[in-house]
C-alpha atoms as a PDB file:
ATOM      1  CA  UNK A   1    -223.974 -86.634  -6.207  1.00  0.00           C
ATOM      2  CA  UNK A   2    -222.362 -85.214  -3.198  1.00  0.00           C
ATOM      3  CA  UNK A   3    -219.455 -87.159  -1.649  1.00  0.00           C
ATOM      4  CA  UNK A   4    -219.298 -87.828   2.082  1.00  0.00           C
ATOM      5  CA  UNK A   5    -217.411 -85.363   4.203  1.00  0.00           C
ATOM      6  CA  UNK A   6    -213.601 -85.962   4.181  1.00  0.00           C
ATOM      7  CA  UNK A   7    -212.148 -87.430   7.311  1.00  0.00           C
ATOM      8  CA  UNK A   8    -209.244 -85.228   6.685  1.00  0.00           C
ATOM      9  CA  UNK A   9    -211.188 -81.946   6.294  1.00  0.00           C
ATOM     10  CA  UNK A  10    -210.574 -80.870   9.875  1.00  0.00           C
ATOM     11  CA  UNK A  11    -206.808 -81.157   9.325  1.00  0.00           C
ATOM     12  CA  UNK A  12    -204.501 -78.330   7.881  1.00  0.00           C
ATOM     13  CA  UNK A  13    -203.921 -78.284   4.204  1.00  0.00           C
ATOM     14  CA  UNK A  14    -200.742 -80.092   3.128  1.00  0.00           C
ATOM     15  CA  UNK A  15    -197.932 -78.186   1.647  1.00  0.00           C
ATOM     16  CA  UNK A  16    -197.400 -79.560  -2.040  1.00  0.00           C
ATOM     17  CA  UNK A  17    -194.649 -78.644  -4.482  1.00  0.00           C
ATOM     18  CA  UNK A  18    -197.157 -79.226  -7.257  1.00  0.00           C
ATOM     19  CA  UNK A  19    -200.094 -77.297  -5.674  1.00  0.00           C
ATOM     20  CA  UNK A  20    -199.910 -74.693  -8.473  1.00  0.00           C
ATOM     21  CA  UNK A  21    -200.422 -77.332 -11.010  1.00  0.00           C
ATOM     22  CA  UNK A  22    -203.336 -79.285  -9.287  1.00  0.00           C
ATOM     23  CA  UNK A  23    -207.015 -78.769  -9.755  1.00  0.00           C
ATOM     24  CA  UNK A  24    -207.976 -75.219  -8.926  1.00  0.00           C
ATOM     25  CA  UNK A  25    -211.454 -74.005  -9.095  1.00  0.00           C
ATOM     26  CA  UNK A  26    -211.521 -70.215  -8.620  1.00  0.00           C
ATOM     27  CA  UNK A  27    -209.449 -67.144  -8.429  1.00  0.00           C
ATOM     28  CA  UNK A  28    -209.649 -63.367  -7.638  1.00  0.00           C
ATOM     29  CA  UNK A  29    -207.455 -60.387  -8.129  1.00  0.00           C
ATOM     30  CA  UNK A  30    -207.781 -57.359  -5.818  1.00  0.00           C
ATOM     31  CA  UNK A  31    -205.503 -54.461  -5.271  1.00  0.00           C
ATOM     32  CA  UNK A  32    -202.341 -56.150  -6.575  1.00  0.00           C
ATOM     33  CA  UNK A  33    -203.002 -59.464  -4.835  1.00  0.00           C
ATOM     34  CA  UNK A  34    -204.150 -62.558  -6.641  1.00  0.00           C
ATOM     35  CA  UNK A  35    -205.428 -65.592  -4.774  1.00  0.00           C
ATOM     36  CA  UNK A  36    -206.563 -68.923  -6.345  1.00  0.00           C
ATOM     37  CA  UNK A  37    -208.087 -71.876  -4.421  1.00  0.00           C
ATOM     38  CA  UNK A  38    -208.807 -75.597  -5.220  1.00  0.00           C
ATOM     39  CA  UNK A  39    -208.917 -79.206  -4.122  1.00  0.00           C
ATOM     40  CA  UNK A  40    -207.301 -80.441  -0.917  1.00  0.00           C
ATOM     41  CA  UNK A  41    -207.539 -77.004   0.660  1.00  0.00           C
ATOM     42  CA  UNK A  42    -205.021 -75.468  -1.691  1.00  0.00           C
ATOM     43  CA  UNK A  43    -204.737 -71.718  -1.339  1.00  0.00           C
ATOM     44  CA  UNK A  44    -202.042 -69.804  -3.288  1.00  0.00           C
ATOM     45  CA  UNK A  45    -201.246 -66.133  -3.625  1.00  0.00           C
ATOM     46  CA  UNK A  46    -199.166 -64.126  -5.946  1.00  0.00           C
ATOM     47  CA  UNK A  47    -198.411 -60.530  -6.780  1.00  0.00           C
ATOM     48  CA  UNK A  48    -197.397 -61.133 -10.552  1.00  0.00           C
ATOM     49  CA  UNK A  49    -199.327 -64.264 -11.635  1.00  0.00           C
ATOM     50  CA  UNK A  50    -196.043 -66.143 -12.356  1.00  0.00           C
ATOM     51  CA  UNK A  51    -194.705 -66.889  -8.933  1.00  0.00           C
ATOM     52  CA  UNK A  52    -197.082 -68.464  -6.494  1.00  0.00           C
ATOM     53  CA  UNK A  53    -196.843 -69.170  -2.699  1.00  0.00           C
ATOM     54  CA  UNK A  54    -198.968 -71.798  -1.150  1.00  0.00           C
ATOM     55  CA  UNK A  55    -200.558 -70.914   2.247  1.00  0.00           C
ATOM     56  CA  UNK A  56    -201.353 -73.423   4.892  1.00  0.00           C
ATOM     57  CA  UNK A  57    -205.207 -73.214   5.779  1.00  0.00           C
ATOM     58  CA  UNK A  58    -207.208 -75.014   8.487  1.00  0.00           C
ATOM     59  CA  UNK A  59    -208.908 -77.552   6.083  1.00  0.00           C
ATOM     60  CA  UNK A  60    -208.295 -80.079   3.372  1.00  0.00           C
ATOM     61  CA  UNK A  61    -211.795 -79.641   1.919  1.00  0.00           C
ATOM     62  CA  UNK A  62    -212.136 -78.846  -1.683  1.00  0.00           C
ATOM     63  CA  UNK A  63    -212.258 -75.076  -1.994  1.00  0.00           C
ATOM     64  CA  UNK A  64    -214.633 -73.606  -4.755  1.00  0.00           C
ATOM     65  CA  UNK A  65    -214.854 -69.946  -4.332  1.00  0.00           C
ATOM     66  CA  UNK A  66    -212.800 -66.919  -3.101  1.00  0.00           C
ATOM     67  CA  UNK A  67    -213.606 -63.143  -2.752  1.00  0.00           C
ATOM     68  CA  UNK A  68    -211.638 -60.211  -1.363  1.00  0.00           C
ATOM     69  CA  UNK A  69    -213.255 -56.989  -0.361  1.00  0.00           C
ATOM     70  CA  UNK A  70    -209.847 -55.276  -0.277  1.00  0.00           C
ATOM     71  CA  UNK A  71    -206.334 -56.308  -0.211  1.00  0.00           C
ATOM     72  CA  UNK A  72    -206.547 -57.353   3.454  1.00  0.00           C
ATOM     73  CA  UNK A  73    -210.000 -58.867   3.987  1.00  0.00           C
ATOM     74  CA  UNK A  74    -210.923 -62.123   2.078  1.00  0.00           C
ATOM     75  CA  UNK A  75    -213.065 -65.089   2.374  1.00  0.00           C
ATOM     76  CA  UNK A  76    -212.922 -68.624   0.818  1.00  0.00           C
ATOM     77  CA  UNK A  77    -215.814 -71.180   0.657  1.00  0.00           C
ATOM     78  CA  UNK A  78    -215.965 -74.870  -0.224  1.00  0.00           C
ATOM     79  CA  UNK A  79    -217.117 -78.394   0.476  1.00  0.00           C
ATOM     80  CA  UNK A  80    -218.638 -79.243   3.898  1.00  0.00           C
ATOM     81  CA  UNK A  81    -219.911 -75.687   3.731  1.00  0.00           C
ATOM     82  CA  UNK A  82    -216.505 -74.438   4.967  1.00  0.00           C
ATOM     83  CA  UNK A  83    -215.861 -70.727   5.238  1.00  0.00           C
ATOM     84  CA  UNK A  84    -212.435 -69.442   5.684  1.00  0.00           C
ATOM     85  CA  UNK A  85    -211.427 -65.811   6.537  1.00  0.00           C
ATOM     86  CA  UNK A  86    -208.268 -63.660   6.326  1.00  0.00           C
ATOM     87  CA  UNK A  87    -207.683 -60.185   7.639  1.00  0.00           C
ATOM     88  CA  UNK A  88    -204.007 -59.901   6.597  1.00  0.00           C
ATOM     89  CA  UNK A  89    -204.070 -60.248   2.906  1.00  0.00           C
ATOM     90  CA  UNK A  90    -204.081 -64.104   2.782  1.00  0.00           C
ATOM     91  CA  UNK A  91    -200.998 -64.653   4.906  1.00  0.00           C
ATOM     92  CA  UNK A  92    -203.075 -66.570   7.547  1.00  0.00           C
ATOM     93  CA  UNK A  93    -206.591 -68.019   7.527  1.00  0.00           C
ATOM     94  CA  UNK A  94    -209.189 -69.031  10.160  1.00  0.00           C
ATOM     95  CA  UNK A  95    -212.087 -71.291   9.839  1.00  0.00           C
ATOM     96  CA  UNK A  96    -215.162 -69.436  10.698  1.00  0.00           C
ATOM     97  CA  UNK A  97    -218.018 -71.885   9.503  1.00  0.00           C
ATOM     98  CA  UNK A  98    -218.015 -75.646   8.941  1.00  0.00           C
ATOM     99  CA  UNK A  99    -220.926 -77.973   8.558  1.00  0.00           C
ATOM    100  CA  UNK A 100    -219.761 -81.474   7.466  1.00  0.00           C
ATOM    101  CA  UNK A 101    -222.862 -83.287   8.554  1.00  0.00           C
ATOM    102  CA  UNK A 102    -224.863 -81.253   6.003  1.00  0.00           C
ATOM    103  CA  UNK A 103    -222.707 -82.712   3.125  1.00  0.00           C
ATOM    104  CA  UNK A 104    -223.631 -79.442   1.212  1.00  0.00           C
ATOM    105  CA  UNK A 105    -220.860 -77.513  -0.571  1.00  0.00           C
ATOM    106  CA  UNK A 106    -220.660 -73.796  -0.786  1.00  0.00           C
ATOM    107  CA  UNK A 107    -219.862 -72.497  -4.375  1.00  0.00           C
ATOM    108  CA  UNK A 108    -219.320 -68.761  -4.073  1.00  0.00           C
ATOM    109  CA  UNK A 109    -219.106 -65.805  -1.670  1.00  0.00           C
ATOM    110  CA  UNK A 110    -219.547 -61.961  -1.951  1.00  0.00           C
ATOM    111  CA  UNK A 111    -219.190 -59.199   0.603  1.00  0.00           C
ATOM    112  CA  UNK A 112    -221.068 -55.768   0.331  1.00  0.00           C
ATOM    113  CA  UNK A 113    -218.496 -54.267   2.833  1.00  0.00           C
ATOM    114  CA  UNK A 114    -216.306 -55.494   5.555  1.00  0.00           C
ATOM    115  CA  UNK A 115    -219.315 -56.665   7.510  1.00  0.00           C
ATOM    116  CA  UNK A 116    -222.223 -57.858   5.334  1.00  0.00           C
ATOM    117  CA  UNK A 117    -221.642 -61.004   3.213  1.00  0.00           C
ATOM    118  CA  UNK A 118    -223.523 -63.776   1.405  1.00  0.00           C
ATOM    119  CA  UNK A 119    -222.438 -67.349   0.599  1.00  0.00           C
ATOM    120  CA  UNK A 120    -224.353 -69.475  -1.863  1.00  0.00           C
ATOM    121  CA  UNK A 121    -224.140 -73.293  -2.639  1.00  0.00           C
ATOM    122  CA  UNK A 122    -225.846 -76.569  -3.317  1.00  0.00           C
ATOM    123  CA  UNK A 123    -229.561 -77.276  -2.761  1.00  0.00           C
ATOM    124  CA  UNK A 124    -230.480 -73.580  -2.236  1.00  0.00           C
ATOM    125  CA  UNK A 125    -227.891 -73.100   0.508  1.00  0.00           C
ATOM    126  CA  UNK A 126    -227.734 -69.481   1.284  1.00  0.00           C
ATOM    127  CA  UNK A 127    -225.810 -68.075   4.312  1.00  0.00           C
ATOM    128  CA  UNK A 128    -225.605 -64.585   5.567  1.00  0.00           C
ATOM    129  CA  UNK A 129    -222.992 -62.848   7.810  1.00  0.00           C
ATOM    130  CA  UNK A 130    -223.311 -59.394   9.366  1.00  0.00           C
ATOM    131  CA  UNK A 131    -220.044 -59.407  11.308  1.00  0.00           C
ATOM    132  CA  UNK A 132    -217.379 -59.724   8.654  1.00  0.00           C
ATOM    133  CA  UNK A 133    -217.778 -63.465   8.274  1.00  0.00           C
ATOM    134  CA  UNK A 134    -216.975 -64.351  11.952  1.00  0.00           C
ATOM    135  CA  UNK A 135    -220.399 -65.992  12.205  1.00  0.00           C
ATOM    136  CA  UNK A 136    -223.008 -67.102   9.533  1.00  0.00           C
ATOM    137  CA  UNK A 137    -226.692 -67.728   9.583  1.00  0.00           C
ATOM    138  CA  UNK A 138    -228.634 -70.010   7.299  1.00  0.00           C
ATOM    139  CA  UNK A 139    -231.169 -67.907   5.630  1.00  0.00           C
ATOM    140  CA  UNK A 140    -233.452 -67.857   2.614  1.00  0.00           C
ATOM    141  CA  UNK A 141    -233.598 -65.722  -0.586  1.00  0.00           C
ATOM    142  CA  UNK A 142    -236.238 -63.051  -0.195  1.00  0.00           C
ATOM    143  CA  UNK A 143    -237.706 -63.559  -3.727  1.00  0.00           C
ATOM    144  CA  UNK A 144    -240.366 -61.117  -4.984  1.00  0.00           C
ATOM    145  CA  UNK A 145    -242.144 -60.477  -8.341  1.00  0.00           C
ATOM    146  CA  UNK A 146    -240.933 -57.488 -10.328  1.00  0.00           C
ATOM    147  CA  UNK A 147    -244.051 -55.649 -11.411  1.00  0.00           C
ATOM    148  CA  UNK A 148    -244.455 -54.431 -14.951  1.00  0.00           C
ATOM    149  CA  UNK A 149    -246.855 -51.597 -15.781  1.00  0.00           C
ATOM    150  CA  UNK A 150    -246.249 -52.020 -19.574  1.00  0.00           C
ATOM    151  CA  UNK A 151    -247.091 -55.805 -19.834  1.00  0.00           C
ATOM    152  CA  UNK A 152    -249.299 -57.456 -17.220  1.00  0.00           C
ATOM    153  CA  UNK A 153    -248.628 -60.829 -18.896  1.00  0.00           C
ATOM    154  CA  UNK A 154    -245.015 -60.419 -18.124  1.00  0.00           C
ATOM    155  CA  UNK A 155    -245.927 -60.102 -14.403  1.00  0.00           C
ATOM    156  CA  UNK A 156    -247.976 -63.231 -14.634  1.00  0.00           C
ATOM    157  CA  UNK A 157    -245.061 -65.007 -16.277  1.00  0.00           C
ATOM    158  CA  UNK A 158    -242.738 -63.986 -13.484  1.00  0.00           C
ATOM    159  CA  UNK A 159    -245.305 -65.088 -10.948  1.00  0.00           C
ATOM    160  CA  UNK A 160    -245.414 -68.506 -12.528  1.00  0.00           C
ATOM    161  CA  UNK A 161    -241.535 -68.410 -12.381  1.00  0.00           C
ATOM    162  CA  UNK A 162    -241.709 -67.663  -8.710  1.00  0.00           C
ATOM    163  CA  UNK A 163    -244.078 -70.655  -8.115  1.00  0.00           C
ATOM    164  CA  UNK A 164    -241.649 -72.841  -9.879  1.00  0.00           C
ATOM    165  CA  UNK A 165    -238.831 -71.556  -7.642  1.00  0.00           C
ATOM    166  CA  UNK A 166    -240.966 -72.307  -4.575  1.00  0.00           C
ATOM    167  CA  UNK A 167    -241.491 -75.869  -5.815  1.00  0.00           C
ATOM    168  CA  UNK A 168    -237.792 -76.524  -6.317  1.00  0.00           C
ATOM    169  CA  UNK A 169    -236.064 -74.396  -3.801  1.00  0.00           C
ATOM    170  CA  UNK A 170    -233.265 -76.758  -3.477  1.00  0.00           C
ATOM    171  CA  UNK A 171    -231.764 -75.656  -6.781  1.00  0.00           C
ATOM    172  CA  UNK A 172    -228.005 -75.165  -6.697  1.00  0.00           C
ATOM    173  CA  UNK A 173    -226.850 -71.476  -6.479  1.00  0.00           C
ATOM    174  CA  UNK A 174    -223.694 -71.468  -8.491  1.00  0.00           C
ATOM    175  CA  UNK A 175    -222.202 -67.942  -8.472  1.00  0.00           C
ATOM    176  CA  UNK A 176    -222.903 -64.527  -7.042  1.00  0.00           C
ATOM    177  CA  UNK A 177    -221.492 -61.355  -8.677  1.00  0.00           C
ATOM    178  CA  UNK A 178    -221.895 -57.619  -8.340  1.00  0.00           C
ATOM    179  CA  UNK A 179    -222.268 -55.375 -11.414  1.00  0.00           C
ATOM    180  CA  UNK A 180    -220.722 -51.859 -11.685  1.00  0.00           C
ATOM    181  CA  UNK A 181    -224.192 -50.357 -11.354  1.00  0.00           C
ATOM    182  CA  UNK A 182    -224.779 -51.938  -7.859  1.00  0.00           C
ATOM    183  CA  UNK A 183    -227.082 -54.724  -9.104  1.00  0.00           C
ATOM    184  CA  UNK A 184    -226.299 -58.268  -7.814  1.00  0.00           C
ATOM    185  CA  UNK A 185    -226.811 -61.476  -9.626  1.00  0.00           C
ATOM    186  CA  UNK A 186    -227.082 -65.074  -8.897  1.00  0.00           C
ATOM    187  CA  UNK A 187    -226.702 -67.843 -11.509  1.00  0.00           C
ATOM    188  CA  UNK A 188    -228.419 -71.139 -10.636  1.00  0.00           C
ATOM    189  CA  UNK A 189    -229.653 -74.395 -11.914  1.00  0.00           C
ATOM    190  CA  UNK A 190    -232.672 -74.961 -14.204  1.00  0.00           C
ATOM    191  CA  UNK A 191    -232.195 -71.801 -16.286  1.00  0.00           C
ATOM    192  CA  UNK A 192    -232.704 -69.639 -13.144  1.00  0.00           C
ATOM    193  CA  UNK A 193    -231.078 -66.243 -12.682  1.00  0.00           C
ATOM    194  CA  UNK A 194    -231.696 -63.898  -9.817  1.00  0.00           C
ATOM    195  CA  UNK A 195    -231.150 -60.171  -9.435  1.00  0.00           C
ATOM    196  CA  UNK A 196    -230.996 -57.900  -6.370  1.00  0.00           C
ATOM    197  CA  UNK A 197    -231.277 -54.203  -6.601  1.00  0.00           C
ATOM    198  CA  UNK A 198    -230.651 -53.615  -2.852  1.00  0.00           C
ATOM    199  CA  UNK A 199    -227.448 -55.658  -2.499  1.00  0.00           C
ATOM    200  CA  UNK A 200    -229.140 -58.903  -1.295  1.00  0.00           C
ATOM    201  CA  UNK A 201    -232.007 -57.777   0.834  1.00  0.00           C
ATOM    202  CA  UNK A 202    -234.454 -58.965  -1.842  1.00  0.00           C
ATOM    203  CA  UNK A 203    -234.327 -60.786  -5.140  1.00  0.00           C
ATOM    204  CA  UNK A 204    -236.147 -60.811  -8.428  1.00  0.00           C
ATOM    205  CA  UNK A 205    -236.398 -64.037 -10.554  1.00  0.00           C
ATOM    206  CA  UNK A 206    -235.304 -63.532 -14.146  1.00  0.00           C
ATOM    207  CA  UNK A 207    -236.291 -65.812 -16.983  1.00  0.00           C
ATOM    208  CA  UNK A 208    -233.875 -66.490 -19.931  1.00  0.00           C
ATOM    209  CA  UNK A 209    -235.484 -69.122 -22.224  1.00  0.00           C
ATOM    210  CA  UNK A 210    -233.377 -72.061 -21.046  1.00  0.00           C
ATOM    211  CA  UNK A 211    -233.888 -74.896 -18.701  1.00  0.00           C
ATOM    212  CA  UNK A 212    -230.250 -75.945 -18.191  1.00  0.00           C
ATOM    213  CA  UNK A 213    -227.882 -74.977 -15.458  1.00  0.00           C
ATOM    214  CA  UNK A 214    -226.100 -71.635 -15.502  1.00  0.00           C
ATOM    215  CA  UNK A 215    -222.708 -71.604 -13.860  1.00  0.00           C
ATOM    216  CA  UNK A 216    -221.511 -68.088 -14.411  1.00  0.00           C
ATOM    217  CA  UNK A 217    -222.905 -64.695 -14.569  1.00  0.00           C
ATOM    218  CA  UNK A 218    -220.775 -61.785 -15.921  1.00  0.00           C
ATOM    219  CA  UNK A 219    -221.907 -58.096 -15.670  1.00  0.00           C
ATOM    220  CA  UNK A 220    -220.340 -56.329 -18.611  1.00  0.00           C
ATOM    221  CA  UNK A 221    -221.261 -52.657 -18.084  1.00  0.00           C
ATOM    222  CA  UNK A 222    -224.352 -50.871 -16.701  1.00  0.00           C
ATOM    223  CA  UNK A 223    -227.384 -53.020 -17.215  1.00  0.00           C
ATOM    224  CA  UNK A 224    -225.717 -55.311 -19.731  1.00  0.00           C
ATOM    225  CA  UNK A 225    -225.118 -58.809 -18.410  1.00  0.00           C
ATOM    226  CA  UNK A 226    -224.195 -62.264 -19.688  1.00  0.00           C
ATOM    227  CA  UNK A 227    -225.100 -65.552 -18.300  1.00  0.00           C
ATOM    228  CA  UNK A 228    -223.642 -69.028 -19.397  1.00  0.00           C
ATOM    229  CA  UNK A 229    -223.501 -72.707 -18.541  1.00  0.00           C
ATOM    230  CA  UNK A 230    -224.016 -76.132 -19.989  1.00  0.00           C
ATOM    231  CA  UNK A 231    -223.135 -77.056 -23.554  1.00  0.00           C
ATOM    232  CA  UNK A 232    -221.984 -73.575 -24.513  1.00  0.00           C
ATOM    233  CA  UNK A 233    -225.257 -71.921 -23.796  1.00  0.00           C
ATOM    234  CA  UNK A 234    -225.005 -68.204 -23.333  1.00  0.00           C
ATOM    235  CA  UNK A 235    -227.573 -65.384 -23.075  1.00  0.00           C
ATOM    236  CA  UNK A 236    -227.132 -61.561 -23.075  1.00  0.00           C
ATOM    237  CA  UNK A 237    -229.352 -58.897 -21.624  1.00  0.00           C
ATOM    238  CA  UNK A 238    -229.069 -55.063 -21.946  1.00  0.00           C
ATOM    239  CA  UNK A 239    -231.960 -54.336 -19.520  1.00  0.00           C
ATOM    240  CA  UNK A 240    -230.688 -56.076 -16.338  1.00  0.00           C
ATOM    241  CA  UNK A 241    -232.340 -59.322 -17.222  1.00  0.00           C
ATOM    242  CA  UNK A 242    -235.855 -58.207 -18.213  1.00  0.00           C
ATOM    243  CA  UNK A 243    -235.223 -59.495 -21.690  1.00  0.00           C
ATOM    244  CA  UNK A 244    -232.708 -61.880 -23.104  1.00  0.00           C
ATOM    245  CA  UNK A 245    -230.985 -62.793 -26.296  1.00  0.00           C
ATOM    246  CA  UNK A 246    -229.339 -66.212 -26.875  1.00  0.00           C
ATOM    247  CA  UNK A 247    -225.723 -65.786 -28.062  1.00  0.00           C
ATOM    248  CA  UNK A 248    -224.442 -68.428 -30.484  1.00  0.00           C
ATOM    249  CA  UNK A 249    -221.089 -69.751 -29.305  1.00  0.00           C
ATOM    250  CA  UNK A 250    -218.575 -71.973 -31.174  1.00  0.00           C
ATOM    251  CA  UNK A 251    -218.543 -74.604 -28.519  1.00  0.00           C
ATOM    252  CA  UNK A 252    -220.715 -77.275 -26.831  1.00  0.00           C
ATOM    253  CA  UNK A 253    -218.402 -77.427 -23.728  1.00  0.00           C
ATOM    254  CA  UNK A 254    -219.632 -76.315 -20.418  1.00  0.00           C
ATOM    255  CA  UNK A 255    -218.858 -72.441 -19.784  1.00  0.00           C
ATOM    256  CA  UNK A 256    -217.576 -71.689 -16.353  1.00  0.00           C
ATOM    257  CA  UNK A 257    -216.363 -68.073 -15.895  1.00  0.00           C
ATOM    258  CA  UNK A 258    -215.593 -64.752 -17.596  1.00  0.00           C
ATOM    259  CA  UNK A 259    -213.797 -61.519 -17.436  1.00  0.00           C
ATOM    260  CA  UNK A 260    -214.278 -58.150 -19.047  1.00  0.00           C
ATOM    261  CA  UNK A 261    -210.770 -56.806 -19.994  1.00  0.00           C
ATOM    262  CA  UNK A 262    -211.851 -53.282 -21.010  1.00  0.00           C
ATOM    263  CA  UNK A 263    -214.530 -51.788 -23.165  1.00  0.00           C
ATOM    264  CA  UNK A 264    -215.965 -54.432 -25.501  1.00  0.00           C
ATOM    265  CA  UNK A 265    -213.190 -57.135 -24.965  1.00  0.00           C
ATOM    266  CA  UNK A 266    -214.473 -60.041 -23.027  1.00  0.00           C
ATOM    267  CA  UNK A 267    -213.172 -63.551 -22.374  1.00  0.00           C
ATOM    268  CA  UNK A 268    -215.261 -66.607 -21.292  1.00  0.00           C
ATOM    269  CA  UNK A 269    -213.636 -69.844 -20.106  1.00  0.00           C
ATOM    270  CA  UNK A 270    -214.910 -73.341 -20.261  1.00  0.00           C
ATOM    271  CA  UNK A 271    -214.107 -77.067 -20.002  1.00  0.00           C
ATOM    272  CA  UNK A 272    -212.154 -78.951 -22.674  1.00  0.00           C
ATOM    273  CA  UNK A 273    -209.733 -76.019 -23.096  1.00  0.00           C
ATOM    274  CA  UNK A 274    -212.407 -73.627 -24.253  1.00  0.00           C
ATOM    275  CA  UNK A 275    -211.455 -70.035 -24.360  1.00  0.00           C
ATOM    276  CA  UNK A 276    -213.924 -67.546 -26.032  1.00  0.00           C
ATOM    277  CA  UNK A 277    -213.221 -63.981 -26.968  1.00  0.00           C
ATOM    278  CA  UNK A 278    -215.574 -61.183 -27.812  1.00  0.00           C
ATOM    279  CA  UNK A 279    -214.670 -57.664 -29.234  1.00  0.00           C
ATOM    280  CA  UNK A 280    -218.159 -56.363 -29.397  1.00  0.00           C
ATOM    281  CA  UNK A 281    -219.334 -56.336 -25.812  1.00  0.00           C
ATOM    282  CA  UNK A 282    -220.614 -60.024 -25.855  1.00  0.00           C
ATOM    283  CA  UNK A 283    -222.801 -59.829 -28.946  1.00  0.00           C
ATOM    284  CA  UNK A 284    -220.609 -62.439 -30.614  1.00  0.00           C
ATOM    285  CA  UNK A 285    -217.746 -64.714 -29.641  1.00  0.00           C
ATOM    286  CA  UNK A 286    -214.830 -66.489 -31.432  1.00  0.00           C
ATOM    287  CA  UNK A 287    -212.810 -69.423 -30.238  1.00  0.00           C
ATOM    288  CA  UNK A 288    -209.203 -68.832 -28.940  1.00  0.00           C
ATOM    289  CA  UNK A 289    -207.295 -72.042 -29.672  1.00  0.00           C
ATOM    290  CA  UNK A 290    -205.284 -73.302 -26.753  1.00  0.00           C
ATOM    291  CA  UNK A 291    -203.591 -76.322 -28.164  1.00  0.00           C
ATOM    292  CA  UNK A 292    -204.882 -78.657 -25.259  1.00  0.00           C
ATOM    293  CA  UNK A 293    -208.080 -79.720 -23.759  1.00  0.00           C
ATOM    294  CA  UNK A 294    -207.437 -78.897 -20.096  1.00  0.00           C
ATOM    295  CA  UNK A 295    -210.494 -77.333 -18.498  1.00  0.00           C
ATOM    296  CA  UNK A 296    -210.558 -73.750 -17.375  1.00  0.00           C
ATOM    297  CA  UNK A 297    -212.531 -72.861 -14.215  1.00  0.00           C
ATOM    298  CA  UNK A 298    -211.763 -69.210 -13.919  1.00  0.00           C
ATOM    299  CA  UNK A 299    -209.926 -66.330 -15.457  1.00  0.00           C
ATOM    300  CA  UNK A 300    -208.564 -63.297 -13.703  1.00  0.00           C
ATOM    301  CA  UNK A 301    -206.398 -60.238 -14.583  1.00  0.00           C
ATOM    302  CA  UNK A 302    -203.172 -59.546 -12.810  1.00  0.00           C
ATOM    303  CA  UNK A 303    -202.004 -56.180 -11.618  1.00  0.00           C
ATOM    304  CA  UNK A 304    -199.976 -55.741 -14.779  1.00  0.00           C
ATOM    305  CA  UNK A 305    -202.793 -56.498 -17.052  1.00  0.00           C
ATOM    306  CA  UNK A 306    -201.907 -60.093 -17.909  1.00  0.00           C
ATOM    307  CA  UNK A 307    -204.587 -62.686 -17.889  1.00  0.00           C
ATOM    308  CA  UNK A 308    -204.304 -65.670 -15.625  1.00  0.00           C
ATOM    309  CA  UNK A 309    -206.249 -68.930 -16.020  1.00  0.00           C
ATOM    310  CA  UNK A 310    -207.256 -71.326 -13.235  1.00  0.00           C
ATOM    311  CA  UNK A 311    -208.294 -74.894 -13.983  1.00  0.00           C
ATOM    312  CA  UNK A 312    -207.520 -78.612 -14.164  1.00  0.00           C
ATOM    313  CA  UNK A 313    -203.849 -78.143 -14.509  1.00  0.00           C
ATOM    314  CA  UNK A 314    -203.376 -75.416 -12.074  1.00  0.00           C
ATOM    315  CA  UNK A 315    -202.672 -71.666 -12.569  1.00  0.00           C
ATOM    316  CA  UNK A 316    -201.159 -70.253 -15.753  1.00  0.00           C
ATOM    317  CA  UNK A 317    -200.452 -66.944 -17.376  1.00  0.00           C
ATOM    318  CA  UNK A 318    -202.394 -66.687 -20.617  1.00  0.00           C
ATOM    319  CA  UNK A 319    -200.253 -66.540 -23.608  1.00  0.00           C
END
């Protein structure tokens, strides 16, 4: 259920001493700069993951996603379909898109370069910018069927999946992530995952054997990718989503985000204080006890290699 647009969303965010300990929903680390975002328009930046500076931004809407193309150019999305942009490394922000009447939040954002970007959100909301985020157009995903010469039944199954997509186009699009091989992925509701081989110009529907929501997608290396979501469900593919293997996890909590440290070492975060770790490239996971049940929404790595968690109780260095 979406809440009505806040009457304060047009106001600047309020500077708060405890902003770093409030509900934060996403974070990113780029070229030595870490940025985290959350409720009440909170945006904080840091260079070491320990000392954080809150930045005033032109909204009090809840902020849900952040992306930096480089150390200077970054974008934030949130409720009321708000999009904020910085061109000076997060020191100042401008509001470049805002649709409170639509009552549709944006959840994530990604830019191919300094000009072309995509923002995704609830009820299939899909925005495209070709001018660095200065303006945005409501668009639709160009979804096509990936043909298979080896198995015609596979093509038929994907066609059926495509029909399902058309029948329920208002599915939430929860996250958008680029792999190191140039493939772009979107994790969505109802067990839907989409892949683009041309950085967003067209999309192929993928079909893990699951009907629950996926909240995160984590490219590991090459064509290996993980998707995860409700009740600890996780799937792994080694062929860019053509086939999937379900991964058993030691939790039934919702999984939210992940990070590949290096090689085969992977961390996945979740609600209820869930932290999963893999040492074999995501083939298996063990539970990292945290001693609390505060939910994690994201995990990022600082410039010194330390991991930083983002969640219900704010931002913290991972011990």
